Structures are given as C-alpha cells and as structure tokens.
Amino acid sequence: MKFVDAWLESLSLSRRQVVPIASVTVATVTNNLVGFIVNVVAATKLGAEGFGIFSLAYSVATLTGTIGDFGLNLTMIRLFNKYQAKMGRQELVLASTLSFKSLLFFILAIACLPLGNLLARGFDVGTENSLLFAIAFITGGILFFWTYLQSFLQSHLSFRQLTGYILAYAGLRVACLIVANYFFPESSLIWLVATYTIPVTILILFGVLPIACKLIPITFRQPREIFSILAEALHYSKWVALSTIAYASLLNVLRFILAVRASTADVGIFSAGITFAMAFSILNQAMRAVLFPQVTALEDPRQMRGYLKRLRQLVPYYFALALLGIGTLGVFQWFVLGAEYRAALPVFLITASVLSLTLFLGLATMLVHTMMKPQIDAWVNVGRLGIMIIMAFFLIPPFQVLGAAIAYAVPLLIGEMWMFRYVLENTKNQNR
C-alpha cells in the first residue's frame, strides 16, 4: 500500500519496524480496556457514592504520579536520543532520572499518612477513608517507577519487552479484579489496592529493581556528572512538567472541585460518563505512546510537513470510526450502568465528542516537542486549567455533572485548536 509506505517513510519507519510498534499498540489498547472494565465493574458494584470516593482516590494517585514525574520521562527519551553517540552519557541520563524519582518517593512515603487524613477531611468523606487516600499517595509514588520503566524501554526501542510488561500489567489487574469483586465487592480501598497498587508493585519489583541495581551506584560514583545531567534534564523538563501536570489536573482537579461544590455521588456519575469517553481515546493514546520517540526525532522540516500531510489523509477514516464509537459506547453505557447513572450519558456525549477531535489533533500538536518548543504546550495547558477552574466554579453548582462536563470539554478544545494552528503556521514558515 503506497499510502501506508509513504506515511511510514515520513516518520523514518520501515514496515519491519512497525511490527513491534503495533504490538505495543495492541498491548496498550488491551491494558486500557482492562482499566475501562475495572471502572465499569467498580461503578456497578460500589454505587455512585462509593465509586465517587474510589474515583477521588484514583485521581489522587494519578495526579501524584504525574507531579512526581516532573516531565522527566519524556525528557529522558529526548536526551537519550541526543546522546546516541555517547553511551556513558546515556547511562547518566537514565541514572539521574531514576535517582530523582527515588528521592521523591522516599519523601512521599513519609508524608502519605498526614496527607491522606487531610484529604479525607477536605472531601468530607469521613476519617475512615484516610487510609484510602494515604495508599492513593503511595500508589502515585509507585507510578513514578512504572512510567520510568516504560520510558526506559521506549528509549532503547525495546518494544517487545514493553509489550510484555504492559500485557503482564493487564493480566495482573484482571486477576486482582476477580479477587476484589468476589471477596470485597463494596470496599473502595480494596478496589484501589487490588486493581492498581498490587499489579504495578509486582511489575516494579521485577522490572525496575534490576535496572536500579545497575544505575543507582552510578549516582554515588559520579555525583557531579549526575547533577550536571539532572540540571540539563530539569531545564527542559520544567516545560514538560508544567504541561503534563496542568493537563492531568484538568480532569483530576475537576473531580476535586465537583466533590466540594456538589457531592461524592456526583463525582461517581461524572466519572462513569468520562470512563466511557476515555475508552474512546484508547487507540489514540497507544499511537502517541509509540509515535512520540519517532516524531520527536524528525529534524528536516520537509519530514514534518510530510508527516502532517499523511495525517490529514487519515481524517475521514478516523472520524467515521469516531462517530461509530460514540454511538456504540453511548448505547452500551445506557444499558450497562443502569438507572443510577442515567445522568452520565450527557457527560459521555459531550466529552467523547470533544476528545475525538482533540486527541486526533494531538497527533499533530506533539510536533511542538520536535520543534523544541515545550513551553507552547505548557502555557496552553496552564491556560486550559485556569479556564476550567473558573468555569467549574460557576457551572457546577447550578448544573452539577453537566456543568463539570462543559467545564472540562470547552478548554480542552480551545487549547488544542490553538496549538494545531501554531504547528501549521510554523511548519509552513520553515525553510522549504
């Protein structure tokens, strides 16, 4: 197929390279489907209020993992590619990132109990949920290392190993889901521990520990070089961190605002709707995961324009599938979740429609990292977060979950369209 070959050529990929990349895509899709199933089953078993508390804890874990990453995963990939001819320098990049994350995890482990108690009081869900939020913080800390492992394997283009780990994670979550559903069907704490904390901990022990035994000693042998690399990484990652933290905060902080301005039951209804919307983005997330190292490696402006051209040719196929997906998932949600979650359908329709557009545009807008302009992505996401907070503050009290959906969708769309325009203008204006 000439079209496929041309698109691969624009990314400097061969058909043989696509095979392992496709395997990662399938594995990522599988794992995200498992996450989707976990949330659907949890929603039906825990009820709206219980699922709301579970979703708040999950948001705490996710946001903690994102903040603790500090943009270093993507930066590590970028610097690893930069020092391809300097193997010793590459090891310093890997070691400095792992050491930084280890230090943050140690600090978090000390602070998790008082932080958990503080959140339980802040959300007014009773002190009995303090342990739930404490474990959510620890889970977020463990995610530091899970995302590091994925970036480590991406840096080495070890797609087969990455596929194995992702599938193992999915399998462990399924096994733990069965146990939680059978023995503890009404415990938000057990559901969090079983479907997130335990699976990722097992993978870290097998995947990261051997890497740590090799790389951590480098930190003590070459502290000056480690600090030098870390300074370089943090200089670039400050923009990546600002961007990723702001973007992750859109959904997770929105849940926090909804809990305070409405109720935990509303959080559960909103989370149920957004769960189905996020299922729609599974393929796009997988594509971004495997394409980012290749796209950021593009140097020739002609290659960038070629990539965008091939991407435009996918538009009719993508949005035909998007419409089909929205319709199918909407019907599925209506019948699976039942009467308690009827208010979640408008949430799904609004967020899924916007995500279908923004996630596709995101395949183009990640070129800002290729252009070494991470600050563009950062300030756009900060702007999105600011608009979301203002909209949520005013829209949630009168419109509840519908107001939350609008407050999430509108800033997301505005930001992505602005950044897409920026990419088009700057690739067009580069020397031909």
Protein backbone atom coordinates (compact mmCIF):
# COMPACT_ATOMS: atom_id res chain seq x y z
CA MET A 1 0.00 0.00 0.00
CA LYS A 2 1.62 3.19 -1.23
CA PHE A 3 -0.22 5.40 1.23
CA VAL A 4 0.95 3.37 4.27
CA ASP A 5 4.51 3.21 2.98
CA ALA A 6 4.60 6.97 2.39
CA TRP A 7 3.31 7.69 5.88
CA LEU A 8 5.88 5.37 7.41
CA GLU A 9 8.60 7.00 5.34
CA SER A 10 7.61 10.42 6.72
CA LEU A 11 8.37 9.01 10.19
CA SER A 12 11.55 7.26 9.04
CA LEU A 13 9.93 3.91 9.80
CA SER A 14 10.01 0.68 7.82
CA ARG A 15 7.33 -1.99 7.72
CA ARG A 16 9.62 -4.23 9.77
CA GLN A 17 9.84 -1.59 12.49
CA VAL A 18 6.07 -1.28 12.56
CA VAL A 19 5.61 -4.86 13.81
CA PRO A 20 6.97 -4.28 17.35
CA ILE A 21 5.32 -0.86 17.45
CA ALA A 22 2.00 -2.44 16.53
CA SER A 23 2.47 -4.98 19.33
CA VAL A 24 2.87 -2.15 21.84
CA THR A 25 -0.27 -0.55 20.44
CA VAL A 26 -2.24 -3.77 20.89
CA ALA A 27 -0.88 -4.21 24.42
CA THR A 28 -1.71 -0.61 25.34
CA VAL A 29 -5.21 -0.99 23.95
CA THR A 30 -5.63 -4.21 25.94
CA ASN A 31 -4.45 -2.61 29.17
CA ASN A 32 -6.67 0.43 28.69
CA LEU A 33 -9.60 -1.86 28.02
CA VAL A 34 -8.88 -3.61 31.31
CA GLY A 35 -8.83 -0.21 33.04
CA PHE A 36 -12.14 0.56 31.40
CA ILE A 37 -13.61 -2.74 32.64
CA VAL A 38 -12.27 -2.08 36.16
CA ASN A 39 -14.06 1.26 36.27
CA VAL A 40 -17.31 -0.11 34.83
CA VAL A 41 -17.43 -3.02 37.29
CA ALA A 42 -16.45 -0.72 40.18
CA ALA A 43 -19.21 1.71 39.21
CA THR A 44 -21.85 -1.04 39.25
CA LYS A 45 -20.60 -2.67 42.49
CA LEU A 46 -19.79 0.41 44.58
CA GLY A 47 -22.73 2.60 43.59
CA ALA A 48 -22.49 6.28 42.69
CA GLU A 49 -21.21 7.47 46.08
CA GLY A 50 -18.74 4.61 46.57
CA PHE A 51 -17.49 4.93 43.02
CA GLY A 52 -17.12 8.67 43.60
CA ILE A 53 -14.81 8.03 46.56
CA PHE A 54 -12.89 5.42 44.54
CA SER A 55 -12.54 7.92 41.67
CA LEU A 56 -11.25 10.61 44.03
CA ALA A 57 -8.59 8.20 45.32
CA TYR A 58 -7.66 7.23 41.78
CA SER A 59 -7.33 10.93 40.89
CA VAL A 60 -5.03 11.44 43.87
CA ALA A 61 -2.82 8.55 42.70
CA THR A 62 -2.80 9.73 39.09
CA LEU A 63 -2.07 13.35 39.92
CA THR A 64 0.65 12.36 42.40
CA GLY A 65 2.29 10.18 39.77
CA THR A 66 2.15 12.99 37.23
CA ILE A 67 3.53 15.65 39.57
CA GLY A 68 6.30 13.33 40.77
CA ASP A 69 7.31 12.53 37.21
CA PHE A 70 8.09 16.25 36.69
CA GLY A 71 8.18 15.74 32.94
CA LEU A 72 11.33 13.65 33.22
CA ASN A 73 10.06 10.61 31.32
CA LEU A 74 9.68 12.42 28.00
CA THR A 75 12.83 14.42 28.69
CA MET A 76 14.76 11.22 29.35
CA ILE A 77 13.74 9.87 25.94
CA ARG A 78 14.75 13.14 24.30
CA LEU A 79 18.18 13.29 25.98
CA PHE A 80 18.81 9.59 25.41
CA ASN A 81 18.33 10.17 21.68
CA LYS A 82 20.51 13.27 21.86
CA TYR A 83 23.46 11.32 23.29
CA GLN A 84 23.22 8.33 20.94
CA ALA A 85 26.96 8.51 20.23
CA LYS A 86 27.87 8.78 23.93
CA MET A 87 26.90 5.58 25.76
CA GLY A 88 28.33 6.74 29.09
CA ARG A 89 26.30 9.93 28.83
CA GLN A 90 23.18 7.91 28.12
CA GLU A 91 23.69 5.91 31.33
CA LEU A 92 23.97 9.16 33.28
CA VAL A 93 20.63 10.30 31.81
CA LEU A 94 18.95 7.08 32.94
CA ALA A 95 20.62 7.06 36.37
CA SER A 96 19.88 10.70 37.20
CA THR A 97 16.18 10.31 36.38
CA LEU A 98 15.83 7.16 38.48
CA SER A 99 17.68 8.69 41.44
CA PHE A 100 15.49 11.79 41.37
CA LYS A 101 12.32 9.70 41.35
CA SER A 102 13.62 7.50 44.20
CA LEU A 103 14.23 10.56 46.38
CA LEU A 104 10.73 11.90 45.72
CA PHE A 105 9.20 8.51 46.57
CA PHE A 106 11.04 8.42 49.91
CA ILE A 107 9.68 11.87 50.82
CA LEU A 108 6.17 10.88 49.76
CA ALA A 109 6.24 7.68 51.83
CA ILE A 110 6.95 9.74 54.94
CA ALA A 111 4.16 12.26 54.25
CA CYS A 112 1.39 9.95 52.94
CA LEU A 113 -0.48 9.37 56.23
CA PRO A 114 -0.96 13.04 57.23
CA LEU A 115 -1.77 13.91 53.61
CA GLY A 116 -4.38 11.14 53.47
CA ASN A 117 -6.05 12.40 56.65
CA LEU A 118 -6.05 15.95 55.29
CA LEU A 119 -7.80 14.94 52.07
CA ALA A 120 -10.40 12.78 53.83
CA ARG A 121 -11.35 15.80 55.93
CA GLY A 122 -11.26 18.15 52.95
CA PHE A 123 -13.61 15.97 50.87
CA ASP A 124 -15.81 15.34 53.91
CA VAL A 125 -15.85 11.57 53.37
CA GLY A 126 -15.04 10.58 56.95
CA THR A 127 -11.72 9.81 58.63
CA GLU A 128 -12.29 6.11 57.90
CA ASN A 129 -11.16 6.92 54.33
CA SER A 130 -7.85 8.45 55.47
CA LEU A 131 -6.05 5.16 54.81
CA LEU A 132 -7.59 5.00 51.32
CA PHE A 133 -6.10 8.36 50.36
CA ALA A 134 -2.77 7.55 52.06
CA ILE A 135 -2.49 4.42 49.90
CA ALA A 136 -3.53 6.50 46.89
CA PHE A 137 -0.48 8.71 47.51
CA ILE A 138 1.77 5.64 47.78
CA THR A 139 0.26 4.24 44.58
CA GLY A 140 1.08 7.52 42.86
CA GLY A 141 4.67 7.17 44.11
CA ILE A 142 4.91 3.64 42.73
CA LEU A 143 3.69 5.02 39.39
CA PHE A 144 6.92 7.09 39.30
CA PHE A 145 8.78 3.87 38.62
CA TRP A 146 6.18 2.25 36.36
CA THR A 147 6.29 5.19 33.94
CA TYR A 148 10.09 5.24 34.24
CA LEU A 149 10.22 1.60 33.15
CA GLN A 150 8.07 2.35 30.11
CA SER A 151 10.22 5.33 29.12
CA PHE A 152 13.40 3.30 29.70
CA LEU A 153 12.21 0.65 27.26
CA GLN A 154 10.98 3.28 24.77
CA SER A 155 14.42 4.92 24.86
CA HIS A 156 16.06 1.63 23.94
CA LEU A 157 13.33 0.89 21.35
CA SER A 158 12.70 -2.35 23.28
CA PHE A 159 9.12 -2.60 22.11
CA ARG A 160 8.80 -6.35 22.63
CA GLN A 161 9.77 -6.06 26.29
CA LEU A 162 7.47 -3.08 26.69
CA THR A 163 4.66 -5.13 25.20
CA GLY A 164 5.31 -7.94 27.67
CA TYR A 165 5.24 -5.64 30.69
CA ILE A 166 2.05 -3.89 29.59
CA LEU A 167 0.29 -7.21 28.97
CA ALA A 168 1.55 -8.52 32.32
CA TYR A 169 0.09 -5.43 33.99
CA ALA A 170 -3.25 -6.03 32.28
CA GLY A 171 -3.24 -9.70 33.31
CA LEU A 172 -2.43 -8.91 36.94
CA ARG A 173 -5.21 -6.33 37.05
CA VAL A 174 -7.72 -8.85 35.71
CA ALA A 175 -6.67 -11.44 38.31
CA CYS A 176 -6.87 -8.93 41.15
CA LEU A 177 -10.19 -7.61 39.80
CA ILE A 178 -11.70 -11.08 40.08
CA VAL A 179 -10.49 -11.41 43.68
CA ALA A 180 -11.74 -7.95 44.68
CA ASN A 181 -15.11 -8.48 43.01
CA TYR A 182 -15.62 -11.87 44.68
CA PHE A 183 -14.38 -11.18 48.23
CA PHE A 184 -14.66 -7.37 48.71
CA PRO A 185 -17.33 -6.06 46.31
CA GLU A 186 -18.19 -2.95 48.36
CA SER A 187 -14.76 -1.72 49.55
CA SER A 188 -13.28 1.27 47.68
CA LEU A 189 -9.95 0.71 49.48
CA ILE A 190 -9.63 -2.89 48.36
CA TRP A 191 -10.61 -2.00 44.81
CA LEU A 192 -7.84 0.60 44.60
CA VAL A 193 -5.22 -1.70 46.13
CA ALA A 194 -6.24 -4.73 44.07
CA THR A 195 -6.62 -3.14 40.64
CA TYR A 196 -3.84 -0.55 40.78
CA THR A 197 -1.42 -0.76 43.72
CA ILE A 198 -0.63 -4.50 43.78
CA PRO A 199 -0.23 -5.05 39.99
CA VAL A 200 2.10 -2.10 39.48
CA THR A 201 4.14 -3.00 42.60
CA ILE A 202 4.79 -6.51 41.29
CA LEU A 203 5.96 -5.15 37.94
CA ILE A 204 8.28 -2.64 39.60
CA LEU A 205 9.94 -5.38 41.64
CA PHE A 206 10.67 -7.41 38.53
CA GLY A 207 11.26 -4.60 36.04
CA VAL A 208 12.85 -1.64 37.79
CA LEU A 209 14.77 -3.29 40.63
CA PRO A 210 17.37 -4.93 38.30
CA ILE A 211 17.79 -1.60 36.48
CA ALA A 212 18.17 0.23 39.81
CA CYS A 213 20.89 -2.18 40.98
CA LYS A 214 22.90 -1.21 37.89
CA LEU A 215 22.17 2.51 37.67
CA ILE A 216 21.85 3.78 41.27
CA PRO A 217 25.54 3.05 42.10
CA ILE A 218 26.48 5.41 39.24
CA THR A 219 24.85 8.21 41.23
CA PHE A 220 27.30 7.69 44.10
CA ARG A 221 30.33 7.13 41.84
CA GLN A 222 29.74 10.18 39.64
CA PRO A 223 27.66 12.67 41.66
CA ARG A 224 28.99 15.73 39.81
CA GLU A 225 28.11 14.29 36.38
CA ILE A 226 24.69 13.17 37.70
CA PHE A 227 23.88 16.68 38.93
CA SER A 228 25.02 18.12 35.59
CA ILE A 229 22.73 15.82 33.62
CA LEU A 230 19.87 16.34 36.06
CA ALA A 231 20.23 20.12 35.69
CA GLU A 232 20.06 19.76 31.90
CA ALA A 233 17.05 17.44 32.18
CA LEU A 234 15.19 19.71 34.59
CA HIS A 235 15.91 22.75 32.40
CA TYR A 236 14.00 21.12 29.56
CA SER A 237 11.54 19.16 31.66
CA LYS A 238 10.27 22.22 33.53
CA TRP A 239 8.11 22.95 30.49
CA VAL A 240 7.13 19.32 30.01
CA ALA A 241 6.31 19.10 33.74
CA LEU A 242 4.22 22.26 33.67
CA SER A 243 2.37 20.92 30.64
CA THR A 244 1.73 17.38 31.89
CA ILE A 245 0.78 18.46 35.41
CA ALA A 246 -1.61 21.11 34.11
CA TYR A 247 -3.15 18.65 31.62
CA ALA A 248 -3.56 15.90 34.22
CA SER A 249 -5.05 18.42 36.61
CA LEU A 250 -7.86 19.21 34.18
CA LEU A 251 -9.76 16.03 34.93
CA ASN A 252 -8.45 15.20 38.39
CA VAL A 253 -8.81 18.67 39.91
CA LEU A 254 -12.24 18.85 38.31
CA ARG A 255 -13.23 15.78 40.35
CA PHE A 256 -11.96 17.51 43.50
CA ILE A 257 -13.99 20.65 42.72
CA LEU A 258 -17.06 18.54 41.98
CA ALA A 259 -16.72 16.76 45.34
CA VAL A 260 -16.55 20.08 47.21
CA ARG A 261 -19.10 22.06 45.15
CA ALA A 262 -21.56 19.16 44.69
CA SER A 263 -21.19 15.65 46.20
CA THR A 264 -19.21 12.40 46.00
CA ALA A 265 -22.23 10.81 44.26
CA ASP A 266 -21.90 13.45 41.52
CA VAL A 267 -18.21 12.56 41.27
CA GLY A 268 -19.25 8.95 40.71
CA ILE A 269 -21.77 9.85 37.99
CA PHE A 270 -19.29 12.17 36.25
CA SER A 271 -16.52 9.57 36.47
CA ALA A 272 -18.80 6.91 34.98
CA GLY A 273 -19.50 9.13 31.96
CA ILE A 274 -15.88 10.13 31.50
CA THR A 275 -14.81 6.47 31.79
CA PHE A 276 -16.68 5.64 28.60
CA ALA A 277 -15.33 8.77 26.91
CA MET A 278 -11.77 7.79 27.80
CA ALA A 279 -12.36 4.33 26.37
CA PHE A 280 -12.88 6.08 23.06
CA SER A 281 -9.34 7.53 23.24
CA ILE A 282 -7.59 4.19 23.79
CA LEU A 283 -6.24 3.85 20.24
CA ASN A 284 -5.01 7.43 20.16
CA GLN A 285 -3.16 7.05 23.44
CA ALA A 286 -1.46 3.95 22.12
CA MET A 287 -0.45 5.70 18.90
CA ARG A 288 1.02 8.64 20.80
CA ALA A 289 2.99 6.33 23.07
CA VAL A 290 4.77 4.63 20.19
CA LEU A 291 5.00 7.58 17.78
CA PHE A 292 6.44 10.15 20.19
CA PRO A 293 10.07 8.91 20.04
CA GLN A 294 9.89 8.83 16.22
CA VAL A 295 8.13 12.17 15.80
CA THR A 296 10.50 13.98 18.16
CA ALA A 297 13.42 12.60 16.17
CA LEU A 298 12.26 14.36 12.96
CA GLU A 299 14.71 17.13 12.03
CA ASP A 300 14.02 18.01 8.42
CA PRO A 301 11.09 20.48 8.04
CA ARG A 302 10.10 18.56 4.92
CA GLN A 303 9.70 15.42 7.04
CA MET A 304 7.41 17.33 9.44
CA ARG A 305 5.26 18.61 6.59
CA GLY A 306 5.16 15.11 5.12
CA TYR A 307 4.00 13.72 8.45
CA LEU A 308 1.20 16.30 8.65
CA LYS A 309 0.18 15.58 5.06
CA ARG A 310 -0.17 11.86 5.73
CA LEU A 311 -2.03 12.63 8.94
CA ARG A 312 -4.60 14.72 7.03
CA GLN A 313 -5.27 11.76 4.77
CA LEU A 314 -6.41 9.78 7.80
CA VAL A 315 -9.11 12.33 8.72
CA PRO A 316 -12.17 10.74 7.03
CA TYR A 317 -11.30 7.24 8.27
CA TYR A 318 -10.67 8.43 11.82
CA PHE A 319 -13.86 10.43 12.23
CA ALA A 320 -16.01 7.74 10.64
CA LEU A 321 -14.70 5.39 13.31
CA ALA A 322 -15.17 8.11 15.92
CA LEU A 323 -18.86 8.53 15.15
CA LEU A 324 -19.35 4.78 15.20
CA GLY A 325 -17.50 4.54 18.51
CA ILE A 326 -19.51 7.32 20.17
CA GLY A 327 -22.81 5.76 19.15
CA THR A 328 -21.83 2.25 20.22
CA LEU A 329 -20.38 3.30 23.57
CA GLY A 330 -23.35 5.54 24.32
CA VAL A 331 -25.79 2.66 23.88
CA PHE A 332 -23.52 0.33 25.86
CA GLN A 333 -23.29 2.79 28.75
CA TRP A 334 -27.07 3.29 28.86
CA PHE A 335 -27.78 -0.41 29.31
CA VAL A 336 -24.77 -1.49 31.41
CA LEU A 337 -24.74 1.13 34.16
CA GLY A 338 -28.46 1.25 34.79
CA ALA A 339 -30.84 3.90 36.13
CA GLU A 340 -28.49 5.22 38.83
CA TYR A 341 -26.11 6.54 36.14
CA ARG A 342 -28.57 7.95 33.56
CA ALA A 343 -27.16 11.45 34.16
CA ALA A 344 -23.76 10.15 32.99
CA LEU A 345 -24.89 9.87 29.34
CA PRO A 346 -24.77 13.65 28.58
CA VAL A 347 -21.34 13.72 30.25
CA PHE A 348 -20.18 10.99 27.89
CA LEU A 349 -21.62 12.59 24.74
CA ILE A 350 -20.06 16.00 25.45
CA THR A 351 -16.62 14.74 26.49
CA ALA A 352 -16.37 11.96 23.88
CA SER A 353 -17.21 14.36 21.04
CA VAL A 354 -14.52 16.80 22.12
CA LEU A 355 -11.94 14.11 22.87
CA SER A 356 -12.45 12.58 19.42
CA LEU A 357 -11.28 15.84 17.90
CA THR A 358 -8.60 16.90 20.37
CA LEU A 359 -6.89 13.53 20.53
CA PHE A 360 -6.53 13.37 16.76
CA LEU A 361 -5.22 16.91 16.64
CA GLY A 362 -2.78 15.86 19.35
CA LEU A 363 -1.02 13.57 16.88
CA ALA A 364 -0.06 16.77 15.05
CA THR A 365 0.49 19.10 18.00
CA MET A 366 3.13 16.87 19.58
CA LEU A 367 5.38 18.37 16.88
CA VAL A 368 5.93 21.28 19.29
CA HIS A 369 8.36 18.94 21.06
CA THR A 370 10.07 18.19 17.75
CA MET A 371 10.47 21.97 17.32
CA MET A 372 11.92 22.13 20.85
CA LYS A 373 9.06 24.39 21.93
CA PRO A 374 7.72 22.61 25.02
CA GLN A 375 6.76 25.97 26.54
CA ILE A 376 3.96 26.29 23.96
CA ASP A 377 2.34 23.07 25.15
CA ALA A 378 2.92 24.11 28.77
CA TRP A 379 1.28 27.52 28.60
CA VAL A 380 -1.66 26.18 26.59
CA ASN A 381 -2.35 23.57 29.27
CA VAL A 382 -1.95 26.12 32.07
CA GLY A 383 -4.48 28.29 30.23
CA ARG A 384 -6.81 25.31 29.90
CA LEU A 385 -6.54 24.62 33.64
CA GLY A 386 -7.27 28.21 34.56
CA ILE A 387 -10.34 28.37 32.29
CA MET A 388 -11.55 25.00 33.60
CA ILE A 389 -11.32 26.07 37.25
CA ILE A 390 -13.24 29.30 36.59
CA MET A 391 -15.91 27.51 34.52
CA ALA A 392 -16.23 24.70 37.07
CA PHE A 393 -16.61 27.18 39.94
CA PHE A 394 -19.59 28.84 38.26
CA LEU A 395 -21.15 25.95 36.32
CA ILE A 396 -21.08 23.06 38.81
CA PRO A 397 -23.46 24.43 41.49
CA PRO A 398 -26.36 25.06 39.07
CA PHE A 399 -25.72 22.29 36.52
CA GLN A 400 -23.75 19.68 38.58
CA VAL A 401 -22.28 16.90 36.39
CA LEU A 402 -23.36 18.60 33.14
CA GLY A 403 -21.55 21.76 34.23
CA ALA A 404 -18.46 19.69 35.02
CA ALA A 405 -18.55 18.11 31.53
CA ILE A 406 -18.76 21.51 29.85
CA ALA A 407 -16.00 22.92 32.08
CA TYR A 408 -13.75 20.04 31.01
CA ALA A 409 -14.58 19.93 27.28
CA VAL A 410 -14.51 23.61 26.29
CA PRO A 411 -10.95 24.47 27.48
CA LEU A 412 -9.68 21.18 26.05
CA LEU A 413 -10.99 22.02 22.58
CA ILE A 414 -9.90 25.67 22.59
CA GLY A 415 -6.34 24.80 23.61
CA GLU A 416 -5.85 22.01 21.07
CA MET A 417 -7.20 24.08 18.17
CA TRP A 418 -4.89 26.99 19.04
CA MET A 419 -1.86 24.70 19.26
CA PHE A 420 -2.76 22.98 15.99
CA ARG A 421 -2.84 26.38 14.28
CA TYR A 422 0.57 27.18 15.78
CA VAL A 423 2.07 23.93 14.41
CA LEU A 424 0.64 24.51 10.93
CA GLU A 425 1.92 28.08 10.75
CA ASN A 426 5.40 27.23 11.98
CA THR A 427 5.93 24.19 9.77
CA LYS A 428 4.68 26.19 6.78
CA ASN A 429 7.03 29.08 7.52
CA GLN A 430 10.16 26.98 7.85
CA ASN A 431 12.64 26.97 5.02
CA ARG A 432 11.47 24.79 2.18
